[in-house]
Amino acid sequence: MHKRVIFVDDEEQILAGLKRMLRPLRREWSMDFASSGAEALEKMEQKPFDVIVTDMRMPGMDGAQLLQIVSDRYPDMVRIVLSGYANEELVYKSVPFTHQYLAKPIEAEGLKAVVSRALALRSLLKNEKIKKLVTRVDTLPSMPKLYMSLLKELKSSDASTKSIGNIISKDLGMTAKILKLVNSAYFGIRRHVQSPEEAVMFLGLNTIKAIVLSTEIFSQYDETRLKNFSLEKLYEHSVTVGSFAKVIAESEVENKKNIGDSLMAGMLHDLGKLILIDNLPDQYSIVLEQVRNDGKLVWKVEQEVFGVSHAEVGAYLLGLWGLPDDIVEAVAYHHRPSHCVHHSFSPLTAVHVANWIAYHSQESPVEKPEALIESAYVNLSRLTDKLPSWKQRCLQLINEK
């Protein structure tokens, strides 16, 4: 069955150009075109769509208003902005409802790549309810003390890009959201930004202040939603895995992108847990109870309860937000790396091993570390001889702190 994509632009010549440019894709996609937000919504009432690609500046209903309505009515639809207009206020208004922002003009191959990737990601999640839930995620909860620290720092006359970047880098939700934003075409940064510190430096304090204080890009986690769960421990583990993955990558490769992606993938590898816990706390309490009582692995119990694990959930959202394939792949397969098509060293290798070492470093881990390393992958990738030295380097990092 063809995937359905709808394009919205008030300029008829732009729509005509899109039709011509995308004509070769008619066998892959079923495409509709609308010249206004109202017309697009009428078409959506008549049949379902998988992806919407809309202009931002349109008379009557602008792109931000349209995407807000689409987010509410059709939560499983992928929402992409394609615009040559860069009004800051309008862009900030659209941030919570946009998965990706693309700049005009764009080549057919570039547009095809973004839409095709978004469509391919949908196969990661088999559970339609979870797919809708994740697709409509527009903000990720932060630890209250970090959230308050950020607000306080942003309002301080002594705030600096370094201090703001340092706060954001300690928080899963803030890190994912700021990387999504800074790497969008709106800001026109020609290279991929890999860290929150870099992101803040590129965006500047005024932009960060405008985004954080005028939109709901970040939010506080409600600690009463799920008992017997520590968000702080999840964040500590995420930071540890990120730093371990960086150490492992540095010992194997010199490529800075590979090292940076390993760090970020490690930091974000458990993002799916945050999404499930924040949106389905009652069901997730069942997961935690079974893990405590039966000694099962968290991701396996998640699959029993939800039909998917936190790995696929986190990877799906990061992919929708346009993060690099290597990071998405590492998050998606960090528990089952042998399911990935290639077995050479990559951020996936670094994160899988780093996660195993991180559990080894805990005094009383919830999950048994030996169950978290996949022997089939270790053998296929010929890692057996390297594990002891990687483990030593990572544990040494803890001792140095």
Protein backbone atom coordinates (compact mmCIF):
# COMPACT_ATOMS: atom_id res chain seq x y z
CA MET A 1 0.00 0.00 0.00
CA HIS A 2 1.34 3.42 -0.99
CA LYS A 3 2.24 5.85 1.78
CA ARG A 4 0.17 9.04 1.66
CA VAL A 5 1.90 12.45 1.70
CA ILE A 6 0.17 15.84 1.54
CA PHE A 7 1.95 19.05 0.51
CA VAL A 8 0.57 22.46 1.49
CA ASP A 9 1.60 25.83 0.00
CA ASP A 10 -0.43 28.92 -0.86
CA GLU A 11 1.68 29.67 -3.96
CA GLU A 12 0.31 27.74 -6.94
CA GLN A 13 3.63 27.87 -8.79
CA ILE A 14 5.38 26.28 -5.80
CA LEU A 15 2.79 23.48 -5.75
CA ALA A 16 3.18 23.02 -9.50
CA GLY A 17 6.95 22.83 -9.05
CA LEU A 18 6.58 20.21 -6.31
CA LYS A 19 4.28 18.14 -8.53
CA ARG A 20 6.82 18.18 -11.36
CA MET A 21 9.76 17.51 -9.07
CA LEU A 22 8.08 14.60 -7.29
CA ARG A 23 6.40 13.00 -10.32
CA PRO A 24 8.97 10.14 -10.41
CA LEU A 25 7.85 9.13 -6.90
CA ARG A 26 4.23 8.44 -7.87
CA ARG A 27 4.83 4.69 -7.68
CA GLU A 28 6.15 5.01 -4.11
CA TRP A 29 3.90 7.68 -2.61
CA SER A 30 0.28 8.67 -3.03
CA MET A 31 0.49 12.49 -3.09
CA ASP A 32 -2.08 15.23 -2.57
CA PHE A 33 -1.56 18.98 -2.86
CA ALA A 34 -3.44 21.78 -1.07
CA SER A 35 -3.20 25.56 -1.46
CA SER A 36 -4.32 26.41 2.08
CA GLY A 37 -4.51 24.99 5.57
CA ALA A 38 -8.31 24.78 5.32
CA GLU A 39 -8.12 22.78 2.08
CA ALA A 40 -5.53 20.45 3.62
CA LEU A 41 -7.76 19.78 6.63
CA GLU A 42 -10.69 19.02 4.31
CA LYS A 43 -8.59 16.44 2.47
CA MET A 44 -7.52 14.90 5.78
CA GLU A 45 -11.15 14.40 6.75
CA GLN A 46 -11.67 12.41 3.55
CA LYS A 47 -8.65 10.06 3.84
CA PRO A 48 -5.67 9.41 6.11
CA PHE A 49 -2.14 10.69 5.47
CA ASP A 50 1.20 9.53 6.83
CA VAL A 51 3.15 12.78 6.34
CA ILE A 52 2.33 16.47 5.94
CA VAL A 53 4.84 18.88 4.37
CA THR A 54 3.71 22.49 4.71
CA ASP A 55 4.86 26.02 4.02
CA MET A 56 5.03 28.32 7.04
CA ARG A 57 3.81 31.74 5.89
CA MET A 58 0.32 31.46 4.40
CA PRO A 59 -2.70 33.81 4.51
CA GLY A 60 -5.49 32.91 6.91
CA MET A 61 -4.17 29.83 8.65
CA ASP A 62 -0.36 29.82 8.81
CA GLY A 63 1.79 26.69 8.92
CA ALA A 64 2.21 26.76 12.70
CA GLN A 65 -1.57 26.90 13.25
CA LEU A 66 -2.12 24.11 10.73
CA LEU A 67 0.45 21.83 12.37
CA GLN A 68 -1.01 22.48 15.81
CA ILE A 69 -4.42 21.30 14.56
CA VAL A 70 -2.88 18.30 12.77
CA SER A 71 -0.96 17.37 15.92
CA ASP A 72 -4.20 17.35 17.90
CA ARG A 73 -6.48 15.61 15.36
CA TYR A 74 -3.99 13.25 13.69
CA PRO A 75 -1.29 12.54 16.28
CA ASP A 76 0.39 9.78 14.26
CA MET A 77 1.08 12.00 11.23
CA VAL A 78 4.68 13.10 10.62
CA ARG A 79 4.84 16.92 10.47
CA ILE A 80 7.47 18.66 8.32
CA VAL A 81 7.87 22.37 7.49
CA LEU A 82 9.27 23.32 4.07
CA SER A 83 9.64 27.07 3.98
CA GLY A 84 11.79 29.91 2.72
CA TYR A 85 10.41 32.27 5.35
CA ALA A 86 12.35 32.80 8.55
CA ASN A 87 10.24 34.93 10.88
CA GLU A 88 11.56 34.04 14.35
CA GLU A 89 8.24 34.44 16.17
CA LEU A 90 6.42 32.17 13.72
CA VAL A 91 9.19 29.57 13.79
CA TYR A 92 9.24 29.53 17.61
CA LYS A 93 5.46 29.13 17.57
CA SER A 94 5.79 26.05 15.36
CA VAL A 95 8.59 24.37 17.36
CA PRO A 96 6.33 22.21 19.57
CA PHE A 97 4.36 20.86 16.59
CA THR A 98 7.11 20.33 13.99
CA HIS A 99 9.19 17.19 13.63
CA GLN A 100 11.57 18.69 11.08
CA TYR A 101 12.16 22.08 9.44
CA LEU A 102 13.47 22.15 5.84
CA ALA A 103 14.53 25.25 3.91
CA LYS A 104 13.49 26.23 0.39
CA PRO A 105 14.76 25.69 -2.21
CA ILE A 106 15.33 21.96 -1.82
CA GLU A 107 16.35 19.33 -4.35
CA ALA A 108 14.01 16.42 -5.05
CA GLU A 109 16.52 13.93 -3.65
CA GLY A 110 16.85 15.87 -0.41
CA LEU A 111 13.10 16.06 0.14
CA LYS A 112 12.68 12.42 -0.84
CA ALA A 113 15.39 11.38 1.64
CA VAL A 114 13.74 13.18 4.57
CA VAL A 115 10.22 11.93 3.85
CA SER A 116 11.37 8.39 3.03
CA ARG A 117 13.35 8.20 6.27
CA ALA A 118 10.33 9.34 8.28
CA LEU A 119 8.16 6.72 6.59
CA ALA A 120 10.74 3.97 7.12
CA LEU A 121 11.01 4.80 10.81
CA ARG A 122 7.32 4.06 11.27
CA SER A 123 8.06 0.36 10.78
CA LEU A 124 10.10 0.43 14.01
CA LEU A 125 6.91 0.63 16.08
CA LYS A 126 4.34 -2.09 15.50
CA ASN A 127 1.97 -0.91 18.23
CA GLU A 128 -0.25 1.80 16.67
CA LYS A 129 -1.17 3.30 20.04
CA ILE A 130 2.50 3.74 20.96
CA LYS A 131 3.24 5.12 17.49
CA LYS A 132 0.58 7.81 17.91
CA LEU A 133 1.81 8.58 21.41
CA VAL A 134 5.43 9.05 20.32
CA THR A 135 4.60 11.00 17.15
CA ARG A 136 2.68 13.58 19.17
CA VAL A 137 5.49 14.09 21.72
CA ASP A 138 6.45 17.76 21.51
CA THR A 139 8.32 18.16 24.78
CA LEU A 140 10.27 15.88 27.08
CA PRO A 141 10.19 16.23 30.87
CA SER A 142 13.28 17.41 32.71
CA MET A 143 14.43 16.87 36.27
CA PRO A 144 12.81 19.66 38.32
CA LYS A 145 16.09 20.87 39.83
CA LEU A 146 17.76 21.07 36.40
CA TYR A 147 14.73 22.76 34.87
CA MET A 148 14.67 25.37 37.65
CA SER A 149 18.44 25.82 37.37
CA LEU A 150 18.07 26.53 33.65
CA LEU A 151 15.30 29.10 34.18
CA LYS A 152 17.31 30.79 36.93
CA GLU A 153 20.47 30.87 34.81
CA LEU A 154 18.64 32.24 31.76
CA LYS A 155 17.28 35.11 33.85
CA SER A 156 20.68 35.84 35.39
CA SER A 157 22.79 38.73 34.12
CA ASP A 158 25.84 36.46 34.47
CA ALA A 159 24.49 33.72 32.18
CA SER A 160 26.95 32.37 29.62
CA THR A 161 26.77 29.88 26.77
CA LYS A 162 29.04 27.59 28.79
CA SER A 163 26.83 27.62 31.91
CA ILE A 164 23.62 27.08 29.91
CA GLY A 165 25.18 24.32 27.80
CA ASN A 166 26.43 22.59 30.94
CA ILE A 167 22.93 22.47 32.46
CA ILE A 168 21.31 21.21 29.25
CA SER A 169 23.98 18.50 28.79
CA LYS A 170 22.94 16.88 32.09
CA ASP A 171 19.34 16.41 30.98
CA LEU A 172 18.02 13.81 28.49
CA GLY A 173 14.98 15.76 27.37
CA MET A 174 16.74 19.10 27.00
CA THR A 175 19.64 17.53 25.10
CA ALA A 176 17.39 15.76 22.57
CA LYS A 177 15.23 18.83 21.99
CA ILE A 178 18.08 21.31 21.59
CA LEU A 179 19.90 19.02 19.12
CA LYS A 180 16.71 18.68 17.09
CA LEU A 181 16.32 22.45 16.98
CA VAL A 182 19.90 23.49 16.23
CA ASN A 183 20.25 20.97 13.41
CA SER A 184 17.07 22.09 11.65
CA ALA A 185 17.48 23.97 8.37
CA TYR A 186 16.01 27.12 9.94
CA PHE A 187 19.30 28.04 11.58
CA GLY A 188 21.32 27.32 8.44
CA ILE A 189 24.26 25.70 10.22
CA ARG A 190 26.19 23.86 7.53
CA ARG A 191 27.65 21.12 9.71
CA HIS A 192 26.00 18.75 12.16
CA VAL A 193 26.07 20.05 15.74
CA GLN A 194 26.84 17.17 18.10
CA SER A 195 26.57 18.49 21.66
CA PRO A 196 24.36 20.78 23.78
CA GLU A 197 27.35 23.01 24.54
CA GLU A 198 27.98 23.48 20.82
CA ALA A 199 24.28 24.04 20.22
CA VAL A 200 24.07 26.86 22.75
CA MET A 201 27.20 28.45 21.30
CA PHE A 202 25.75 28.42 17.77
CA LEU A 203 22.26 29.56 18.76
CA GLY A 204 23.39 32.23 21.20
CA LEU A 205 21.90 33.19 24.55
CA ASN A 206 19.19 35.46 23.14
CA THR A 207 17.78 32.70 20.92
CA ILE A 208 17.92 30.15 23.75
CA LYS A 209 16.14 32.58 26.08
CA ALA A 210 13.45 33.33 23.49
CA ILE A 211 12.81 29.65 22.79
CA VAL A 212 12.80 28.44 26.40
CA LEU A 213 10.91 31.33 27.96
CA SER A 214 8.32 31.87 25.21
CA THR A 215 7.52 28.28 24.20
CA GLU A 216 7.00 24.98 25.99
CA ILE A 217 10.13 23.41 24.51
CA PHE A 218 11.14 22.09 27.96
CA SER A 219 8.93 21.00 30.87
CA GLN A 220 9.26 19.72 34.43
CA TYR A 221 8.86 16.05 35.28
CA ASP A 222 6.06 15.34 37.76
CA GLU A 223 7.77 13.14 40.35
CA THR A 224 4.45 11.97 41.80
CA ARG A 225 3.44 10.15 38.59
CA LEU A 226 5.45 6.99 39.21
CA LYS A 227 6.53 5.67 42.59
CA ASN A 228 9.69 3.62 43.04
CA PHE A 229 11.30 5.27 40.04
CA SER A 230 14.20 7.70 40.17
CA LEU A 231 14.55 10.06 37.22
CA GLU A 232 17.84 11.19 38.72
CA LYS A 233 19.27 7.65 38.52
CA LEU A 234 18.13 7.34 34.90
CA TYR A 235 19.94 10.57 34.08
CA GLU A 236 23.07 9.54 35.98
CA HIS A 237 23.13 6.25 34.05
CA SER A 238 22.62 8.07 30.74
CA VAL A 239 25.49 10.48 31.39
CA THR A 240 27.71 7.56 32.45
CA VAL A 241 26.94 5.53 29.32
CA GLY A 242 27.56 8.61 27.17
CA SER A 243 30.98 9.25 28.72
CA PHE A 244 31.91 5.54 28.53
CA ALA A 245 30.85 5.33 24.87
CA LYS A 246 33.04 8.35 24.11
CA VAL A 247 36.05 6.71 25.83
CA ILE A 248 35.51 3.48 23.86
CA ALA A 249 35.14 5.34 20.55
CA GLU A 250 38.29 7.39 21.22
CA SER A 251 40.26 4.18 21.71
CA GLU A 252 39.09 2.79 18.35
CA VAL A 253 38.68 5.67 15.89
CA GLU A 254 39.99 9.16 15.21
CA ASN A 255 36.89 10.37 13.41
CA LYS A 256 35.45 13.21 15.53
CA LYS A 257 31.92 12.68 14.21
CA ASN A 258 31.98 9.01 15.22
CA ILE A 259 33.23 9.96 18.69
CA GLY A 260 30.65 12.73 19.09
CA ASP A 261 27.81 10.51 17.88
CA SER A 262 28.91 7.79 20.33
CA LEU A 263 28.73 10.28 23.19
CA MET A 264 25.27 11.55 22.21
CA ALA A 265 23.88 8.09 21.44
CA GLY A 266 25.06 6.92 24.86
CA MET A 267 23.47 9.92 26.52
CA LEU A 268 20.17 9.34 24.69
CA HIS A 269 20.05 5.52 24.60
CA ASP A 270 17.33 5.30 27.28
CA LEU A 271 15.26 8.23 26.03
CA GLY A 272 12.41 5.82 25.27
CA LYS A 273 12.07 5.03 28.97
CA LEU A 274 11.45 8.70 29.67
CA ILE A 275 8.74 8.82 26.97
CA LEU A 276 6.96 5.69 28.24
CA ILE A 277 7.21 6.69 31.90
CA ASP A 278 5.93 10.21 31.28
CA ASN A 279 3.01 9.15 29.08
CA LEU A 280 2.07 5.71 30.44
CA PRO A 281 3.08 5.72 34.13
CA ASP A 282 0.52 3.13 35.28
CA GLN A 283 1.58 0.59 32.68
CA TYR A 284 5.24 1.30 33.28
CA SER A 285 4.80 0.61 36.99
CA ILE A 286 3.82 -2.94 35.93
CA VAL A 287 7.11 -3.20 34.02
CA LEU A 288 9.14 -2.09 37.04
CA GLU A 289 7.27 -4.45 39.36
CA GLN A 290 7.91 -7.46 37.10
CA VAL A 291 11.59 -6.56 36.79
CA ARG A 292 11.93 -6.37 40.59
CA ASN A 293 9.95 -9.55 41.28
CA ASP A 294 11.08 -11.81 38.42
CA GLY A 295 14.57 -10.51 37.66
CA LYS A 296 13.74 -10.09 33.96
CA LEU A 297 15.44 -7.57 31.70
CA VAL A 298 13.59 -4.25 31.44
CA TRP A 299 13.44 -4.21 27.64
CA LYS A 300 12.00 -7.73 27.49
CA VAL A 301 9.23 -6.89 29.98
CA GLU A 302 8.49 -3.70 28.03
CA GLN A 303 7.97 -5.81 24.92
CA GLU A 304 5.53 -8.02 26.81
CA VAL A 305 3.57 -5.04 28.15
CA PHE A 306 3.76 -2.56 25.24
CA GLY A 307 4.73 -4.68 22.24
CA VAL A 308 7.88 -2.55 21.84
CA SER A 309 10.83 -1.63 24.05
CA HIS A 310 12.23 1.74 25.07
CA ALA A 311 15.00 1.27 22.47
CA GLU A 312 12.61 1.44 19.48
CA VAL A 313 10.52 4.18 21.09
CA GLY A 314 13.51 6.46 21.66
CA ALA A 315 14.98 5.76 18.22
CA TYR A 316 11.66 6.52 16.51
CA LEU A 317 11.39 9.96 18.10
CA LEU A 318 15.04 10.85 17.47
CA GLY A 319 14.65 9.77 13.84
CA LEU A 320 11.51 11.88 13.44
CA TRP A 321 13.44 14.82 14.83
CA GLY A 322 16.15 14.39 12.21
CA LEU A 323 19.07 13.22 14.34
CA PRO A 324 21.82 11.35 12.44
CA ASP A 325 21.31 7.73 11.38
CA ASP A 326 24.26 6.50 13.47
CA ILE A 327 22.67 7.88 16.66
CA VAL A 328 19.20 6.54 15.79
CA GLU A 329 20.67 3.12 14.96
CA ALA A 330 22.68 2.98 18.19
CA VAL A 331 19.61 3.82 20.27
CA ALA A 332 17.35 1.39 18.36
CA TYR A 333 19.65 -1.63 18.66
CA HIS A 334 21.62 -0.97 21.85
CA HIS A 335 20.19 -4.13 23.47
CA ARG A 336 20.24 -6.29 20.32
CA PRO A 337 23.10 -5.05 18.12
CA SER A 338 23.25 -8.32 16.16
CA HIS A 339 19.91 -7.30 14.58
CA CYS A 340 21.72 -4.44 12.84
CA VAL A 341 22.87 -5.06 9.28
CA HIS A 342 26.56 -4.24 9.80
CA HIS A 343 28.98 -5.34 12.48
CA SER A 344 31.98 -3.02 12.09
CA PHE A 345 32.81 -0.58 14.90
CA SER A 346 30.22 2.21 15.16
CA PRO A 347 28.44 4.27 17.83
CA LEU A 348 26.20 1.21 18.28
CA THR A 349 29.22 -0.86 19.35
CA ALA A 350 30.35 1.85 21.76
CA VAL A 351 26.90 2.26 23.35
CA HIS A 352 26.18 -1.47 23.66
CA VAL A 353 29.47 -2.10 25.46
CA ALA A 354 29.28 1.14 27.48
CA ASN A 355 25.83 0.17 28.78
CA TRP A 356 27.20 -3.21 29.90
CA ILE A 357 30.18 -1.60 31.66
CA ALA A 358 27.95 1.01 33.32
CA TYR A 359 25.89 -1.73 34.97
CA HIS A 360 29.11 -3.43 36.07
CA SER A 361 30.11 -0.20 37.82
CA GLN A 362 26.92 -0.06 39.91
CA GLU A 363 26.93 -1.49 43.43
CA SER A 364 23.56 -3.24 43.12
CA PRO A 365 22.29 -3.04 39.51
CA VAL A 366 18.61 -3.79 38.84
CA GLU A 367 19.61 -5.89 35.83
CA LYS A 368 22.44 -8.43 35.72
CA PRO A 369 25.32 -6.98 33.67
CA GLU A 370 26.16 -10.31 32.03
CA ALA A 371 22.65 -10.39 30.51
CA LEU A 372 23.21 -7.01 28.85
CA ILE A 373 26.09 -7.99 26.58
CA GLU A 374 25.05 -9.86 23.45
CA SER A 375 27.54 -12.68 22.89
CA ALA A 376 26.46 -13.22 19.27
CA TYR A 377 27.35 -9.61 18.43
CA VAL A 378 30.60 -9.74 20.40
CA ASN A 379 31.66 -12.81 18.43
CA LEU A 380 30.51 -11.46 15.04
CA SER A 381 32.31 -8.18 15.61
CA ARG A 382 35.37 -9.86 17.14
CA LEU A 383 35.26 -7.76 20.29
CA THR A 384 36.14 -10.41 22.90
CA ASP A 385 39.80 -9.40 23.20
CA LYS A 386 38.95 -5.69 23.39
CA LEU A 387 36.34 -5.82 26.17
CA PRO A 388 38.81 -5.99 29.12
CA SER A 389 40.79 -2.91 28.01
CA TRP A 390 37.61 -0.94 27.24
CA LYS A 391 36.21 -1.84 30.63
CA GLN A 392 39.44 -0.80 32.35
CA ARG A 393 39.48 2.58 30.58
CA CYS A 394 35.86 3.28 31.51
CA LEU A 395 36.18 2.28 35.16
CA GLN A 396 39.33 4.38 35.36
CA LEU A 397 37.23 7.35 34.26
CA ILE A 398 35.00 6.84 37.32
CA ASN A 399 38.01 6.67 39.65
CA GLU A 400 39.35 9.94 38.25
CA LYS A 401 36.15 11.83 39.10
